[in-house]
Amino acid sequence: MHRVSRILSSRPGRRRPGTAALLAVLLTATLNTAGCRDAPTEPTAIRIATGSPTAVYYAFGQSLAAILNRELPDVRASVVLTAASAENVRLIESGGAELGFTQADVLPTTTAENPSVEAIARVYDDQLHLVTTGGGPIRTIADLRGRRVSVGASGSGTEVTANRLLEVANLGGDRVQRLRLGLDASVSALRSGGIDAFFFSGGLPVRGITELAWRSATRIVDLSEWTEPLRARYGQVYVSRDIPHSVYGVDAVTTVADPNYLVVRADLPEQLVRDVTRLLMERRAELALAHPAAGRMSPRSAIVTAPLPLHPGAAAWYRAAKP
């Protein structure tokens, strides 16, 4: 039987049944494979959750997106306007963003065993601003009793910090008429008399507050005495920081500050996060042109991100850089 088969296959003009069809299939598959190799791959989307258009997160995020788009050819980065910290963390957890900015006090005090959000860097400290009119009666936090006060947009880090401060200052419950307005709405409401004061947490300078101080008499209330009560009740993330006269042209004060982190979805590829971390650190001078707060980063301080762990890609870059 085998001998007959060999003889038949060797005779001129004879082919095994189906050979032509098989060759056609193989040729088509080869062409398709080559076509697949040549077809452009879809770029990786990096959505950066930021905050108000007149605050630091947005300016920082826009500059970072421009750098990523310029230097990582397989990435398409964009910014997402949000209410800021708390919403940013929720977006990353739910898959609505890949990167985002958040205050440290928005994060849980302990990290889950398998967190869905990890850190790339500690980027700068937010200062809590309590802003009122220059000639008004509010000079201390106690003067807020019975007043109309914006505590920040719902879902913002400002709302978290401001409400904690009011609690430790014995101004909880209905002792203050709380409104939840973002930065731009707060500035407009203060100028029109719709509110008596507002809180906003941001890196210096906050553009919306700068513009307010240029246009009308403005006071920023000193909050220095409240750092330790906040630390005692809510944890050690809070520190005292100065807001010098040179920032807004108003009287210098000391206030409560809170670290800010750039965070990332934990399941992002290690190499991609390593590249983002490298550009974040190597392009600090360019980022500082977008906002001075971005220029305060350093590899040495960036790795202090408790309670969040660093993403493995970020950790790998810092190990190689040896900050």
C-alpha atoms as a PDB file:
ATOM      1  CA  MET A   1       0.000   0.000   0.000  1.00  0.00           C
ATOM      2  CA  HIS A   2       2.767   2.481   0.908  1.00  0.00           C
ATOM      3  CA  ARG A   3       4.661   1.549  -2.269  1.00  0.00           C
ATOM      4  CA  VAL A   4       1.606   2.235  -4.435  1.00  0.00           C
ATOM      5  CA  SER A   5       1.058   5.623  -2.796  1.00  0.00           C
ATOM      6  CA  ARG A   6       4.670   6.632  -3.420  1.00  0.00           C
ATOM      7  CA  ILE A   7       4.435   5.601  -7.064  1.00  0.00           C
ATOM      8  CA  LEU A   8       1.224   7.574  -7.598  1.00  0.00           C
ATOM      9  CA  SER A   9       2.615  10.691  -6.004  1.00  0.00           C
ATOM     10  CA  SER A  10       5.729  10.542  -8.177  1.00  0.00           C
ATOM     11  CA  ARG A  11       3.993  10.266 -11.528  1.00  0.00           C
ATOM     12  CA  PRO A  12       4.096  13.383 -13.725  1.00  0.00           C
ATOM     13  CA  GLY A  13       0.887  15.455 -13.857  1.00  0.00           C
ATOM     14  CA  ARG A  14      -0.622  13.861 -10.776  1.00  0.00           C
ATOM     15  CA  ARG A  15      -1.257  15.671  -7.418  1.00  0.00           C
ATOM     16  CA  ARG A  16      -2.782  14.508  -4.220  1.00  0.00           C
ATOM     17  CA  PRO A  17      -6.431  15.485  -3.929  1.00  0.00           C
ATOM     18  CA  GLY A  18      -6.926  18.968  -2.444  1.00  0.00           C
ATOM     19  CA  THR A  19      -3.307  20.165  -2.887  1.00  0.00           C
ATOM     20  CA  ALA A  20      -4.263  23.250  -4.914  1.00  0.00           C
ATOM     21  CA  ALA A  21      -6.870  24.263  -2.354  1.00  0.00           C
ATOM     22  CA  LEU A  22      -4.391  23.754   0.458  1.00  0.00           C
ATOM     23  CA  LEU A  23      -1.807  25.937  -1.279  1.00  0.00           C
ATOM     24  CA  ALA A  24      -4.385  28.683  -1.737  1.00  0.00           C
ATOM     25  CA  VAL A  25      -5.314  28.582   1.929  1.00  0.00           C
ATOM     26  CA  LEU A  26      -1.652  28.741   2.996  1.00  0.00           C
ATOM     27  CA  LEU A  27      -0.976  31.679   0.675  1.00  0.00           C
ATOM     28  CA  THR A  28      -3.996  33.584   1.985  1.00  0.00           C
ATOM     29  CA  ALA A  29      -2.990  32.941   5.581  1.00  0.00           C
ATOM     30  CA  THR A  30       0.554  34.153   4.879  1.00  0.00           C
ATOM     31  CA  LEU A  31      -0.721  37.357   3.295  1.00  0.00           C
ATOM     32  CA  ASN A  32      -3.149  37.945   6.150  1.00  0.00           C
ATOM     33  CA  THR A  33      -0.390  37.411   8.701  1.00  0.00           C
ATOM     34  CA  ALA A  34       1.858  39.889   6.922  1.00  0.00           C
ATOM     35  CA  GLY A  35      -1.006  42.351   6.799  1.00  0.00           C
ATOM     36  CA  CYS A  36      -1.591  41.984  10.532  1.00  0.00           C
ATOM     37  CA  ARG A  37       2.070  42.674  11.219  1.00  0.00           C
ATOM     38  CA  ASP A  38       1.983  45.819   9.124  1.00  0.00           C
ATOM     39  CA  ALA A  39      -1.309  47.154  10.542  1.00  0.00           C
ATOM     40  CA  PRO A  40      -0.813  49.953  13.116  1.00  0.00           C
ATOM     41  CA  THR A  41      -1.648  49.031  16.690  1.00  0.00           C
ATOM     42  CA  GLU A  42      -4.100  51.106  18.692  1.00  0.00           C
ATOM     43  CA  PRO A  43      -2.334  53.553  21.023  1.00  0.00           C
ATOM     44  CA  THR A  44      -2.713  53.053  24.763  1.00  0.00           C
ATOM     45  CA  ALA A  45      -5.143  55.566  26.246  1.00  0.00           C
ATOM     46  CA  ILE A  46      -3.948  57.365  29.375  1.00  0.00           C
ATOM     47  CA  ARG A  47      -6.739  59.442  30.924  1.00  0.00           C
ATOM     48  CA  ILE A  48      -5.462  61.732  33.686  1.00  0.00           C
ATOM     49  CA  ALA A  49      -8.095  62.677  36.285  1.00  0.00           C
ATOM     50  CA  THR A  50      -7.427  66.258  37.379  1.00  0.00           C
ATOM     51  CA  GLY A  51      -9.719  68.910  38.896  1.00  0.00           C
ATOM     52  CA  SER A  52     -10.881  72.502  38.346  1.00  0.00           C
ATOM     53  CA  PRO A  53      -9.561  74.311  35.233  1.00  0.00           C
ATOM     54  CA  THR A  54      -8.156  77.114  37.442  1.00  0.00           C
ATOM     55  CA  ALA A  55      -6.394  74.858  39.965  1.00  0.00           C
ATOM     56  CA  VAL A  56      -3.097  72.993  40.026  1.00  0.00           C
ATOM     57  CA  TYR A  57      -4.201  69.457  39.137  1.00  0.00           C
ATOM     58  CA  TYR A  58      -5.531  70.579  35.751  1.00  0.00           C
ATOM     59  CA  ALA A  59      -2.452  72.628  34.784  1.00  0.00           C
ATOM     60  CA  PHE A  60      -0.124  69.855  35.945  1.00  0.00           C
ATOM     61  CA  GLY A  61      -2.180  67.181  34.179  1.00  0.00           C
ATOM     62  CA  GLN A  62      -2.293  69.077  30.882  1.00  0.00           C
ATOM     63  CA  SER A  63       1.468  69.523  30.855  1.00  0.00           C
ATOM     64  CA  LEU A  64       2.062  65.879  31.759  1.00  0.00           C
ATOM     65  CA  ALA A  65      -0.320  64.731  28.994  1.00  0.00           C
ATOM     66  CA  ALA A  66       1.568  66.847  26.440  1.00  0.00           C
ATOM     67  CA  ILE A  67       4.884  65.304  27.515  1.00  0.00           C
ATOM     68  CA  LEU A  68       3.536  61.740  27.345  1.00  0.00           C
ATOM     69  CA  ASN A  69       2.034  62.332  23.889  1.00  0.00           C
ATOM     70  CA  ARG A  70       5.286  63.800  22.609  1.00  0.00           C
ATOM     71  CA  GLU A  71       7.680  61.223  24.025  1.00  0.00           C
ATOM     72  CA  LEU A  72       5.725  57.961  24.118  1.00  0.00           C
ATOM     73  CA  PRO A  73       4.587  57.251  20.535  1.00  0.00           C
ATOM     74  CA  ASP A  74       2.261  54.399  21.527  1.00  0.00           C
ATOM     75  CA  VAL A  75       0.388  56.510  24.113  1.00  0.00           C
ATOM     76  CA  ARG A  76      -2.505  58.949  23.709  1.00  0.00           C
ATOM     77  CA  ALA A  77      -2.876  60.952  26.911  1.00  0.00           C
ATOM     78  CA  SER A  78      -5.740  63.301  27.796  1.00  0.00           C
ATOM     79  CA  VAL A  79      -7.027  65.095  30.885  1.00  0.00           C
ATOM     80  CA  VAL A  80     -10.383  64.594  32.565  1.00  0.00           C
ATOM     81  CA  LEU A  81     -12.042  67.485  34.424  1.00  0.00           C
ATOM     82  CA  THR A  82     -13.302  66.336  37.829  1.00  0.00           C
ATOM     83  CA  ALA A  83     -14.201  67.552  41.308  1.00  0.00           C
ATOM     84  CA  ALA A  84     -10.651  66.435  42.213  1.00  0.00           C
ATOM     85  CA  SER A  85      -9.218  63.978  44.755  1.00  0.00           C
ATOM     86  CA  ALA A  86     -12.039  61.716  45.910  1.00  0.00           C
ATOM     87  CA  GLU A  87     -13.616  61.549  42.455  1.00  0.00           C
ATOM     88  CA  ASN A  88     -10.207  60.911  40.886  1.00  0.00           C
ATOM     89  CA  VAL A  89      -9.599  57.891  43.098  1.00  0.00           C
ATOM     90  CA  ARG A  90     -13.066  56.523  42.320  1.00  0.00           C
ATOM     91  CA  LEU A  91     -12.481  56.968  38.576  1.00  0.00           C
ATOM     92  CA  ILE A  92      -9.229  55.022  38.717  1.00  0.00           C
ATOM     93  CA  GLU A  93     -10.780  52.255  40.820  1.00  0.00           C
ATOM     94  CA  SER A  94     -13.685  51.915  38.375  1.00  0.00           C
ATOM     95  CA  GLY A  95     -11.542  52.023  35.214  1.00  0.00           C
ATOM     96  CA  GLY A  96     -12.663  55.517  34.178  1.00  0.00           C
ATOM     97  CA  ALA A  97      -9.097  56.858  34.306  1.00  0.00           C
ATOM     98  CA  GLU A  98      -5.573  55.474  34.323  1.00  0.00           C
ATOM     99  CA  LEU A  99      -3.769  58.243  36.253  1.00  0.00           C
ATOM    100  CA  GLY A 100      -4.953  60.887  38.676  1.00  0.00           C
ATOM    101  CA  PHE A 101      -4.054  63.293  41.445  1.00  0.00           C
ATOM    102  CA  THR A 102      -5.233  62.952  45.029  1.00  0.00           C
ATOM    103  CA  GLN A 103      -4.635  64.340  48.473  1.00  0.00           C
ATOM    104  CA  ALA A 104      -3.229  61.872  50.981  1.00  0.00           C
ATOM    105  CA  ASP A 105      -6.063  62.386  53.472  1.00  0.00           C
ATOM    106  CA  VAL A 106      -8.618  61.088  50.956  1.00  0.00           C
ATOM    107  CA  LEU A 107      -6.925  57.682  50.982  1.00  0.00           C
ATOM    108  CA  PRO A 108      -7.674  54.982  53.565  1.00  0.00           C
ATOM    109  CA  THR A 109      -5.286  54.943  56.513  1.00  0.00           C
ATOM    110  CA  THR A 110      -4.452  51.308  55.762  1.00  0.00           C
ATOM    111  CA  THR A 111      -3.959  49.714  52.359  1.00  0.00           C
ATOM    112  CA  ALA A 112      -5.869  46.681  51.165  1.00  0.00           C
ATOM    113  CA  GLU A 113      -3.862  43.513  50.539  1.00  0.00           C
ATOM    114  CA  ASN A 114      -4.397  43.884  46.780  1.00  0.00           C
ATOM    115  CA  PRO A 115      -5.015  47.606  46.172  1.00  0.00           C
ATOM    116  CA  SER A 116      -6.562  48.689  42.883  1.00  0.00           C
ATOM    117  CA  VAL A 117      -4.773  52.057  43.095  1.00  0.00           C
ATOM    118  CA  GLU A 118      -1.019  52.480  43.584  1.00  0.00           C
ATOM    119  CA  ALA A 119       1.304  55.468  43.645  1.00  0.00           C
ATOM    120  CA  ILE A 120       3.723  56.868  41.096  1.00  0.00           C
ATOM    121  CA  ALA A 121       4.987  59.781  43.190  1.00  0.00           C
ATOM    122  CA  ARG A 122       4.382  62.243  45.955  1.00  0.00           C
ATOM    123  CA  VAL A 123       4.302  65.406  43.877  1.00  0.00           C
ATOM    124  CA  TYR A 124       3.819  68.413  46.187  1.00  0.00           C
ATOM    125  CA  ASP A 125       1.850  69.604  49.239  1.00  0.00           C
ATOM    126  CA  ASP A 126      -1.604  71.199  49.097  1.00  0.00           C
ATOM    127  CA  GLN A 127      -2.252  74.185  51.336  1.00  0.00           C
ATOM    128  CA  LEU A 128      -5.755  74.585  52.726  1.00  0.00           C
ATOM    129  CA  HIS A 129      -6.990  78.113  51.962  1.00  0.00           C
ATOM    130  CA  LEU A 130      -9.813  79.653  53.977  1.00  0.00           C
ATOM    131  CA  VAL A 131     -10.675  82.681  51.835  1.00  0.00           C
ATOM    132  CA  THR A 132     -12.937  85.588  52.727  1.00  0.00           C
ATOM    133  CA  THR A 133     -13.379  89.270  51.876  1.00  0.00           C
ATOM    134  CA  GLY A 134     -10.644  91.636  52.963  1.00  0.00           C
ATOM    135  CA  GLY A 135     -12.884  93.944  54.980  1.00  0.00           C
ATOM    136  CA  GLY A 136     -15.218  91.271  56.332  1.00  0.00           C
ATOM    137  CA  PRO A 137     -15.717  90.028  59.887  1.00  0.00           C
ATOM    138  CA  ILE A 138     -14.089  86.601  59.451  1.00  0.00           C
ATOM    139  CA  ARG A 139     -10.589  86.614  60.960  1.00  0.00           C
ATOM    140  CA  THR A 140     -10.464  83.193  62.638  1.00  0.00           C
ATOM    141  CA  ILE A 141     -12.169  79.886  62.013  1.00  0.00           C
ATOM    142  CA  ALA A 142     -14.451  80.526  64.999  1.00  0.00           C
ATOM    143  CA  ASP A 143     -15.952  83.454  63.054  1.00  0.00           C
ATOM    144  CA  LEU A 144     -17.478  80.960  60.604  1.00  0.00           C
ATOM    145  CA  ARG A 145     -20.218  80.055  63.084  1.00  0.00           C
ATOM    146  CA  GLY A 146     -23.598  80.729  61.468  1.00  0.00           C
ATOM    147  CA  ARG A 147     -21.969  81.820  58.197  1.00  0.00           C
ATOM    148  CA  ARG A 148     -22.439  80.562  54.639  1.00  0.00           C
ATOM    149  CA  VAL A 149     -19.265  78.684  53.754  1.00  0.00           C
ATOM    150  CA  SER A 150     -18.313  76.612  50.716  1.00  0.00           C
ATOM    151  CA  VAL A 151     -16.447  73.490  51.816  1.00  0.00           C
ATOM    152  CA  GLY A 152     -15.480  72.498  48.267  1.00  0.00           C
ATOM    153  CA  ALA A 153     -17.128  70.513  45.522  1.00  0.00           C
ATOM    154  CA  SER A 154     -18.724  67.196  46.376  1.00  0.00           C
ATOM    155  CA  GLY A 155     -16.107  64.519  45.743  1.00  0.00           C
ATOM    156  CA  SER A 156     -13.153  66.849  46.264  1.00  0.00           C
ATOM    157  CA  GLY A 157     -10.246  66.557  48.662  1.00  0.00           C
ATOM    158  CA  THR A 158     -11.069  70.074  49.845  1.00  0.00           C
ATOM    159  CA  GLU A 159     -14.423  68.827  51.138  1.00  0.00           C
ATOM    160  CA  VAL A 160     -12.719  66.066  53.138  1.00  0.00           C
ATOM    161  CA  THR A 161     -10.134  68.359  54.742  1.00  0.00           C
ATOM    162  CA  ALA A 162     -12.526  71.273  55.350  1.00  0.00           C
ATOM    163  CA  ASN A 163     -15.138  69.084  57.041  1.00  0.00           C
ATOM    164  CA  ARG A 164     -12.483  67.516  59.262  1.00  0.00           C
ATOM    165  CA  LEU A 165     -11.224  70.960  60.223  1.00  0.00           C
ATOM    166  CA  LEU A 166     -14.718  72.152  61.108  1.00  0.00           C
ATOM    167  CA  GLU A 167     -15.204  69.081  63.284  1.00  0.00           C
ATOM    168  CA  VAL A 168     -12.009  69.603  65.302  1.00  0.00           C
ATOM    169  CA  ALA A 169     -12.863  73.324  65.612  1.00  0.00           C
ATOM    170  CA  ASN A 170     -16.237  72.414  67.174  1.00  0.00           C
ATOM    171  CA  LEU A 171     -18.117  73.732  64.153  1.00  0.00           C
ATOM    172  CA  GLY A 172     -19.696  70.460  63.063  1.00  0.00           C
ATOM    173  CA  GLY A 173     -23.343  69.778  62.350  1.00  0.00           C
ATOM    174  CA  ASP A 174     -25.374  72.849  61.417  1.00  0.00           C
ATOM    175  CA  ARG A 175     -23.137  75.366  63.186  1.00  0.00           C
ATOM    176  CA  VAL A 176     -21.967  76.433  59.712  1.00  0.00           C
ATOM    177  CA  GLN A 177     -24.177  76.741  56.615  1.00  0.00           C
ATOM    178  CA  ARG A 178     -22.214  74.496  54.271  1.00  0.00           C
ATOM    179  CA  LEU A 179     -22.366  74.761  50.503  1.00  0.00           C
ATOM    180  CA  ARG A 180     -20.543  72.407  48.140  1.00  0.00           C
ATOM    181  CA  LEU A 181     -19.078  74.563  45.405  1.00  0.00           C
ATOM    182  CA  GLY A 182     -16.026  74.096  43.249  1.00  0.00           C
ATOM    183  CA  LEU A 183     -13.285  76.695  43.121  1.00  0.00           C
ATOM    184  CA  ASP A 184     -14.664  78.843  40.302  1.00  0.00           C
ATOM    185  CA  ALA A 185     -18.199  78.823  41.724  1.00  0.00           C
ATOM    186  CA  SER A 186     -16.816  79.649  45.191  1.00  0.00           C
ATOM    187  CA  VAL A 187     -14.902  82.657  43.871  1.00  0.00           C
ATOM    188  CA  SER A 188     -17.993  83.939  42.043  1.00  0.00           C
ATOM    189  CA  ALA A 189     -20.223  83.410  45.075  1.00  0.00           C
ATOM    190  CA  LEU A 190     -17.829  85.241  47.400  1.00  0.00           C
ATOM    191  CA  ARG A 191     -17.563  88.193  45.034  1.00  0.00           C
ATOM    192  CA  SER A 192     -21.358  88.428  44.665  1.00  0.00           C
ATOM    193  CA  GLY A 193     -22.058  88.064  48.392  1.00  0.00           C
ATOM    194  CA  GLY A 194     -23.636  84.628  48.032  1.00  0.00           C
ATOM    195  CA  ILE A 195     -21.239  83.137  50.586  1.00  0.00           C
ATOM    196  CA  ASP A 196     -19.129  84.572  53.404  1.00  0.00           C
ATOM    197  CA  ALA A 197     -16.038  82.396  52.910  1.00  0.00           C
ATOM    198  CA  PHE A 198     -14.772  79.334  51.111  1.00  0.00           C
ATOM    199  CA  PHE A 199     -12.205  76.596  51.556  1.00  0.00           C
ATOM    200  CA  PHE A 200      -9.910  75.394  48.803  1.00  0.00           C
ATOM    201  CA  SER A 201      -6.990  73.006  49.031  1.00  0.00           C
ATOM    202  CA  GLY A 202      -4.314  73.474  46.382  1.00  0.00           C
ATOM    203  CA  GLY A 203      -0.641  73.974  45.612  1.00  0.00           C
ATOM    204  CA  LEU A 204       0.710  77.510  45.587  1.00  0.00           C
ATOM    205  CA  PRO A 205      -0.357  79.589  43.810  1.00  0.00           C
ATOM    206  CA  VAL A 206      -4.006  78.726  43.062  1.00  0.00           C
ATOM    207  CA  ARG A 207      -4.883  80.686  39.941  1.00  0.00           C
ATOM    208  CA  GLY A 208      -8.526  81.275  40.891  1.00  0.00           C
ATOM    209  CA  ILE A 209      -7.496  82.778  44.247  1.00  0.00           C
ATOM    210  CA  THR A 210      -4.779  84.858  42.565  1.00  0.00           C
ATOM    211  CA  GLU A 211      -7.364  86.360  40.224  1.00  0.00           C
ATOM    212  CA  LEU A 212      -9.748  87.020  43.119  1.00  0.00           C
ATOM    213  CA  ALA A 213      -7.030  88.851  45.087  1.00  0.00           C
ATOM    214  CA  TRP A 214      -6.180  90.970  42.035  1.00  0.00           C
ATOM    215  CA  ARG A 215      -9.773  92.093  41.596  1.00  0.00           C
ATOM    216  CA  SER A 216     -10.960  92.663  45.152  1.00  0.00           C
ATOM    217  CA  ALA A 217      -9.794  92.947  48.764  1.00  0.00           C
ATOM    218  CA  THR A 218      -9.179  89.403  49.975  1.00  0.00           C
ATOM    219  CA  ARG A 219      -8.157  87.784  53.240  1.00  0.00           C
ATOM    220  CA  ILE A 220      -6.758  84.292  53.815  1.00  0.00           C
ATOM    221  CA  VAL A 221      -7.375  83.125  57.372  1.00  0.00           C
ATOM    222  CA  ASP A 222      -4.498  81.726  59.439  1.00  0.00           C
ATOM    223  CA  LEU A 223      -5.087  78.064  60.366  1.00  0.00           C
ATOM    224  CA  SER A 224      -1.766  77.265  62.046  1.00  0.00           C
ATOM    225  CA  GLU A 225      -3.294  76.228  65.380  1.00  0.00           C
ATOM    226  CA  TRP A 226      -5.304  73.434  63.779  1.00  0.00           C
ATOM    227  CA  THR A 227      -2.551  71.243  62.349  1.00  0.00           C
ATOM    228  CA  GLU A 228      -1.916  69.329  65.569  1.00  0.00           C
ATOM    229  CA  PRO A 229      -5.630  68.747  66.374  1.00  0.00           C
ATOM    230  CA  LEU A 230      -6.091  67.351  62.852  1.00  0.00           C
ATOM    231  CA  ARG A 231      -3.051  65.089  63.225  1.00  0.00           C
ATOM    232  CA  ALA A 232      -4.294  63.870  66.596  1.00  0.00           C
ATOM    233  CA  ARG A 233      -7.721  62.896  65.278  1.00  0.00           C
ATOM    234  CA  TYR A 234      -7.150  61.936  61.657  1.00  0.00           C
ATOM    235  CA  GLY A 235      -3.525  60.891  61.239  1.00  0.00           C
ATOM    236  CA  GLN A 236      -0.062  62.169  60.585  1.00  0.00           C
ATOM    237  CA  VAL A 237      -0.422  63.344  56.985  1.00  0.00           C
ATOM    238  CA  TYR A 238      -1.102  66.955  57.985  1.00  0.00           C
ATOM    239  CA  VAL A 239       1.720  69.492  58.355  1.00  0.00           C
ATOM    240  CA  SER A 240       1.954  73.282  58.713  1.00  0.00           C
ATOM    241  CA  ARG A 241       3.052  75.364  55.728  1.00  0.00           C
ATOM    242  CA  ASP A 242       3.337  79.118  55.115  1.00  0.00           C
ATOM    243  CA  ILE A 243       1.504  81.120  52.466  1.00  0.00           C
ATOM    244  CA  PRO A 244       3.832  84.111  52.034  1.00  0.00           C
ATOM    245  CA  HIS A 245       2.669  87.622  51.134  1.00  0.00           C
ATOM    246  CA  SER A 246       4.407  87.251  47.780  1.00  0.00           C
ATOM    247  CA  VAL A 247       2.014  84.526  46.628  1.00  0.00           C
ATOM    248  CA  TYR A 248      -1.246  86.516  46.540  1.00  0.00           C
ATOM    249  CA  GLY A 249      -0.271  89.960  47.770  1.00  0.00           C
ATOM    250  CA  VAL A 250      -2.277  89.515  50.996  1.00  0.00           C
ATOM    251  CA  ASP A 251      -1.129  89.134  54.601  1.00  0.00           C
ATOM    252  CA  ALA A 252       1.121  86.105  55.128  1.00  0.00           C
ATOM    253  CA  VAL A 253      -0.422  83.199  57.058  1.00  0.00           C
ATOM    254  CA  THR A 254       0.386  79.660  58.134  1.00  0.00           C
ATOM    255  CA  THR A 255      -2.069  76.947  57.245  1.00  0.00           C
ATOM    256  CA  VAL A 256      -2.665  73.204  57.169  1.00  0.00           C
ATOM    257  CA  ALA A 257      -1.003  71.300  54.336  1.00  0.00           C
ATOM    258  CA  ASP A 258      -1.608  67.837  52.941  1.00  0.00           C
ATOM    259  CA  PRO A 259       0.626  65.791  50.574  1.00  0.00           C
ATOM    260  CA  ASN A 260      -0.507  65.148  47.020  1.00  0.00           C
ATOM    261  CA  TYR A 261       0.135  61.951  45.082  1.00  0.00           C
ATOM    262  CA  LEU A 262       0.028  61.030  41.427  1.00  0.00           C
ATOM    263  CA  VAL A 263      -1.682  57.634  41.465  1.00  0.00           C
ATOM    264  CA  VAL A 264      -2.245  54.944  38.878  1.00  0.00           C
ATOM    265  CA  ARG A 265      -4.378  51.892  38.221  1.00  0.00           C
ATOM    266  CA  ALA A 266      -2.553  48.947  39.770  1.00  0.00           C
ATOM    267  CA  ASP A 267      -3.021  46.737  36.688  1.00  0.00           C
ATOM    268  CA  LEU A 268      -1.206  49.053  34.256  1.00  0.00           C
ATOM    269  CA  PRO A 269       1.842  47.417  32.628  1.00  0.00           C
ATOM    270  CA  GLU A 270       5.075  47.818  34.561  1.00  0.00           C
ATOM    271  CA  GLN A 271       7.067  49.208  31.613  1.00  0.00           C
ATOM    272  CA  LEU A 272       4.422  51.835  30.837  1.00  0.00           C
ATOM    273  CA  VAL A 273       4.374  53.068  34.443  1.00  0.00           C
ATOM    274  CA  ARG A 274       8.159  53.070  34.514  1.00  0.00           C
ATOM    275  CA  ASP A 275       8.186  55.308  31.436  1.00  0.00           C
ATOM    276  CA  VAL A 276       5.608  57.663  32.956  1.00  0.00           C
ATOM    277  CA  THR A 277       7.644  57.879  36.172  1.00  0.00           C
ATOM    278  CA  ARG A 278      10.838  58.606  34.233  1.00  0.00           C
ATOM    279  CA  LEU A 279       9.233  61.440  32.284  1.00  0.00           C
ATOM    280  CA  LEU A 280       7.556  62.843  35.402  1.00  0.00           C
ATOM    281  CA  MET A 281      10.950  63.167  37.084  1.00  0.00           C
ATOM    282  CA  GLU A 282      13.113  64.044  34.077  1.00  0.00           C
ATOM    283  CA  ARG A 283      10.749  66.768  32.802  1.00  0.00           C
ATOM    284  CA  ARG A 284      10.252  68.588  36.112  1.00  0.00           C
ATOM    285  CA  ALA A 285      11.508  71.883  34.687  1.00  0.00           C
ATOM    286  CA  GLU A 286       8.950  71.731  31.881  1.00  0.00           C
ATOM    287  CA  LEU A 287       6.154  70.761  34.271  1.00  0.00           C
ATOM    288  CA  ALA A 288       7.106  73.698  36.509  1.00  0.00           C
ATOM    289  CA  LEU A 289       6.374  76.061  33.613  1.00  0.00           C
ATOM    290  CA  ALA A 290       2.767  74.877  33.767  1.00  0.00           C
ATOM    291  CA  HIS A 291       2.658  75.356  37.539  1.00  0.00           C
ATOM    292  CA  PRO A 292       5.422  76.063  40.080  1.00  0.00           C
ATOM    293  CA  ALA A 293       4.139  73.315  42.402  1.00  0.00           C
ATOM    294  CA  ALA A 294       5.236  70.707  39.856  1.00  0.00           C
ATOM    295  CA  GLY A 295       8.809  71.910  40.132  1.00  0.00           C
ATOM    296  CA  ARG A 296       8.941  71.014  43.834  1.00  0.00           C
ATOM    297  CA  MET A 297       9.102  67.298  43.123  1.00  0.00           C
ATOM    298  CA  SER A 298      12.277  65.315  43.675  1.00  0.00           C
ATOM    299  CA  PRO A 299      13.015  61.583  43.372  1.00  0.00           C
ATOM    300  CA  ARG A 300      13.953  61.520  47.067  1.00  0.00           C
ATOM    301  CA  SER A 301      10.629  62.901  48.314  1.00  0.00           C
ATOM    302  CA  ALA A 302       8.533  61.280  45.567  1.00  0.00           C
ATOM    303  CA  ILE A 303       8.896  57.781  47.025  1.00  0.00           C
ATOM    304  CA  VAL A 304       7.202  58.731  50.334  1.00  0.00           C
ATOM    305  CA  THR A 305       3.641  57.671  49.446  1.00  0.00           C
ATOM    306  CA  ALA A 306       2.251  55.971  52.576  1.00  0.00           C
ATOM    307  CA  PRO A 307      -0.248  54.412  52.904  1.00  0.00           C
ATOM    308  CA  LEU A 308      -0.172  53.589  49.185  1.00  0.00           C
ATOM    309  CA  PRO A 309       2.541  51.285  47.814  1.00  0.00           C
ATOM    310  CA  LEU A 310       4.501  52.400  44.788  1.00  0.00           C
ATOM    311  CA  HIS A 311       3.487  50.707  41.542  1.00  0.00           C
ATOM    312  CA  PRO A 312       6.219  48.141  40.602  1.00  0.00           C
ATOM    313  CA  GLY A 313       7.042  50.155  37.483  1.00  0.00           C
ATOM    314  CA  ALA A 314       7.575  53.329  39.505  1.00  0.00           C
ATOM    315  CA  ALA A 315       9.573  51.459  42.151  1.00  0.00           C
ATOM    316  CA  ALA A 316      11.820  49.991  39.429  1.00  0.00           C
ATOM    317  CA  TRP A 317      12.619  53.447  38.058  1.00  0.00           C
ATOM    318  CA  TYR A 318      13.445  54.881  41.487  1.00  0.00           C
ATOM    319  CA  ARG A 319      15.706  51.897  42.277  1.00  0.00           C
ATOM    320  CA  ALA A 320      17.622  52.487  39.059  1.00  0.00           C
ATOM    321  CA  ALA A 321      17.797  56.247  39.668  1.00  0.00           C
ATOM    322  CA  LYS A 322      18.994  55.734  43.266  1.00  0.00           C
ATOM    323  CA  PRO A 323      17.425  58.914  44.702  1.00  0.00           C
END
